[in-house]
Structures are given as C-alpha cells and as structure tokens.
Amino acid sequence: MRVTGTTAIVLSKIRLVAVVGGDEVTNPLVVTEVYVQQGDARKLASLSFTRLLGP
C-alpha cells in the first residue's frame, strides 16, 4: 500500500480461475484499489482489474 496525503493505492496480483464453456481458464490480473480518507474512514474511490499479457 502506498499512502500520499489522503489517498491510498493498493496493487495486487491475482490469478482468476473460471470455467468458460466447460473449459477451465486462468487469467492473471492486477487489481488496483484507490481509497480516499473521509473523516475517520477510508472509502473506496476506484477499483479496476487489468489483464496481464504474457507467455
């Protein structure tokens, strides 16, 4: 987690495994979460999933 002022950014690598048309498919993803401080709590401002390309 990286915190700058009232903003926190969290980057995570995950592997999403799903069954599509009867076949198991694995997709490597980076999840980006952006939180902002509002009073005493951090609120989720943005959530994105980016597929990683590679061998």
N, C-alpha and C. Protein backbone atom coordinates (compact mmCIF):
# COMPACT_ATOMS: atom_id res chain seq x y z
N MET A 1 0.86 -1.17 0.00
CA MET A 1 0.00 0.00 0.00
C MET A 1 0.89 1.23 0.00
N ARG A 2 0.53 2.19 -0.82
CA ARG A 2 1.24 3.47 -0.86
C ARG A 2 0.23 4.55 -0.46
N VAL A 3 0.60 5.35 0.53
CA VAL A 3 -0.28 6.42 1.02
C VAL A 3 0.38 7.75 0.74
N THR A 4 -0.39 8.65 0.11
CA THR A 4 0.05 10.01 -0.17
C THR A 4 -1.07 10.94 0.26
N GLY A 5 -0.83 11.71 1.30
CA GLY A 5 -1.87 12.62 1.78
C GLY A 5 -3.10 11.83 2.23
N THR A 6 -4.23 12.10 1.61
CA THR A 6 -5.49 11.43 1.96
C THR A 6 -5.84 10.31 1.00
N THR A 7 -4.89 9.91 0.16
CA THR A 7 -5.13 8.87 -0.85
C THR A 7 -4.24 7.66 -0.60
N ALA A 8 -4.82 6.47 -0.69
CA ALA A 8 -4.06 5.22 -0.57
C ALA A 8 -4.29 4.39 -1.83
N ILE A 9 -3.21 3.81 -2.36
CA ILE A 9 -3.29 2.97 -3.56
C ILE A 9 -2.78 1.59 -3.20
N VAL A 10 -3.57 0.57 -3.56
CA VAL A 10 -3.21 -0.82 -3.30
C VAL A 10 -3.16 -1.55 -4.63
N LEU A 11 -2.02 -2.19 -4.93
CA LEU A 11 -1.87 -3.01 -6.14
C LEU A 11 -1.71 -4.46 -5.71
N SER A 12 -2.47 -5.36 -6.34
CA SER A 12 -2.39 -6.78 -6.02
C SER A 12 -2.38 -7.58 -7.31
N LYS A 13 -1.57 -8.64 -7.35
CA LYS A 13 -1.60 -9.57 -8.48
C LYS A 13 -2.43 -10.78 -8.06
N ILE A 14 -3.37 -11.17 -8.93
CA ILE A 14 -4.20 -12.34 -8.65
C ILE A 14 -4.28 -13.22 -9.90
N ARG A 15 -4.69 -14.46 -9.69
CA ARG A 15 -4.97 -15.37 -10.80
C ARG A 15 -6.44 -15.75 -10.70
N LEU A 16 -7.23 -15.34 -11.67
CA LEU A 16 -8.66 -15.64 -11.70
C LEU A 16 -8.86 -16.93 -12.48
N VAL A 17 -9.43 -17.93 -11.83
CA VAL A 17 -9.71 -19.21 -12.48
C VAL A 17 -11.22 -19.32 -12.65
N ALA A 18 -11.67 -19.56 -13.89
CA ALA A 18 -13.09 -19.64 -14.18
C ALA A 18 -13.34 -20.79 -15.16
N VAL A 19 -14.57 -21.26 -15.19
CA VAL A 19 -14.97 -22.27 -16.17
C VAL A 19 -15.80 -21.57 -17.23
N VAL A 20 -15.31 -21.63 -18.47
CA VAL A 20 -15.98 -20.98 -19.60
C VAL A 20 -16.26 -22.04 -20.65
N GLY A 21 -17.53 -22.25 -20.95
CA GLY A 21 -17.90 -23.25 -21.95
C GLY A 21 -17.40 -24.64 -21.60
N GLY A 22 -17.32 -24.94 -20.31
CA GLY A 22 -16.85 -26.25 -19.86
C GLY A 22 -15.35 -26.37 -19.73
N ASP A 23 -14.60 -25.35 -20.15
CA ASP A 23 -13.14 -25.36 -20.05
C ASP A 23 -12.68 -24.44 -18.93
N GLU A 24 -11.66 -24.89 -18.19
CA GLU A 24 -11.09 -24.04 -17.14
C GLU A 24 -10.12 -23.05 -17.76
N VAL A 25 -10.30 -21.78 -17.43
CA VAL A 25 -9.47 -20.70 -17.96
C VAL A 25 -8.84 -19.95 -16.79
N THR A 26 -7.54 -19.66 -16.90
CA THR A 26 -6.83 -18.90 -15.87
C THR A 26 -6.36 -17.58 -16.46
N ASN A 27 -6.69 -16.49 -15.78
CA ASN A 27 -6.29 -15.16 -16.23
C ASN A 27 -5.51 -14.46 -15.12
N PRO A 28 -4.25 -14.08 -15.39
CA PRO A 28 -3.50 -13.28 -14.42
C PRO A 28 -3.95 -11.82 -14.51
N LEU A 29 -4.21 -11.22 -13.36
CA LEU A 29 -4.72 -9.85 -13.31
C LEU A 29 -3.95 -9.02 -12.29
N VAL A 30 -3.95 -7.72 -12.50
CA VAL A 30 -3.53 -6.77 -11.48
C VAL A 30 -4.78 -6.03 -11.03
N VAL A 31 -5.00 -6.00 -9.72
CA VAL A 31 -6.14 -5.28 -9.15
C VAL A 31 -5.60 -3.98 -8.56
N THR A 32 -6.22 -2.87 -8.96
CA THR A 32 -5.83 -1.55 -8.44
C THR A 32 -7.00 -1.00 -7.63
N GLU A 33 -6.73 -0.71 -6.36
CA GLU A 33 -7.74 -0.12 -5.48
C GLU A 33 -7.24 1.26 -5.05
N VAL A 34 -8.11 2.25 -5.13
CA VAL A 34 -7.77 3.61 -4.69
C VAL A 34 -8.76 3.99 -3.59
N TYR A 35 -8.21 4.37 -2.44
CA TYR A 35 -9.02 4.78 -1.30
C TYR A 35 -8.74 6.24 -0.97
N VAL A 36 -9.78 6.95 -0.51
CA VAL A 36 -9.60 8.33 -0.05
C VAL A 36 -10.10 8.43 1.39
N GLN A 37 -9.43 9.27 2.15
CA GLN A 37 -9.80 9.47 3.55
C GLN A 37 -10.99 10.42 3.61
N GLN A 38 -12.05 9.98 4.31
CA GLN A 38 -13.22 10.84 4.55
C GLN A 38 -13.54 10.74 6.03
N GLY A 39 -13.17 11.77 6.76
CA GLY A 39 -13.36 11.74 8.21
C GLY A 39 -12.44 10.69 8.82
N ASP A 40 -13.03 9.76 9.58
CA ASP A 40 -12.25 8.72 10.24
C ASP A 40 -12.11 7.44 9.40
N ALA A 41 -12.72 7.42 8.22
CA ALA A 41 -12.74 6.19 7.42
C ALA A 41 -12.11 6.39 6.05
N ARG A 42 -11.60 5.29 5.50
CA ARG A 42 -11.14 5.30 4.11
C ARG A 42 -12.26 4.73 3.26
N LYS A 43 -12.57 5.40 2.17
CA LYS A 43 -13.64 4.98 1.26
C LYS A 43 -13.04 4.57 -0.07
N LEU A 44 -13.56 3.48 -0.65
CA LEU A 44 -13.09 3.01 -1.94
C LEU A 44 -13.56 3.99 -3.02
N ALA A 45 -12.61 4.59 -3.73
CA ALA A 45 -12.93 5.56 -4.78
C ALA A 45 -12.88 4.93 -6.16
N SER A 46 -12.01 3.92 -6.33
CA SER A 46 -11.84 3.29 -7.64
C SER A 46 -11.36 1.86 -7.47
N LEU A 47 -11.86 0.98 -8.34
CA LEU A 47 -11.45 -0.41 -8.35
C LEU A 47 -11.34 -0.84 -9.81
N SER A 48 -10.17 -1.36 -10.20
CA SER A 48 -10.02 -1.80 -11.59
C SER A 48 -9.24 -3.11 -11.65
N PHE A 49 -9.53 -3.88 -12.68
CA PHE A 49 -8.87 -5.15 -12.95
C PHE A 49 -8.23 -5.04 -14.33
N THR A 50 -6.92 -5.31 -14.41
CA THR A 50 -6.19 -5.23 -15.67
C THR A 50 -5.57 -6.59 -15.96
N ARG A 51 -5.90 -7.15 -17.13
CA ARG A 51 -5.37 -8.45 -17.51
C ARG A 51 -3.91 -8.31 -17.92
N LEU A 52 -3.08 -9.21 -17.39
CA LEU A 52 -1.66 -9.22 -17.75
C LEU A 52 -1.47 -10.11 -18.97
N LEU A 53 -0.73 -9.63 -19.94
CA LEU A 53 -0.43 -10.41 -21.13
C LEU A 53 0.96 -11.01 -20.99
N GLY A 54 1.15 -12.16 -21.52
CA GLY A 54 2.46 -12.79 -21.44
C GLY A 54 2.41 -14.24 -21.87
N PRO A 55 3.54 -14.91 -21.75
CA PRO A 55 3.61 -16.31 -22.18
C PRO A 55 2.77 -17.23 -21.33
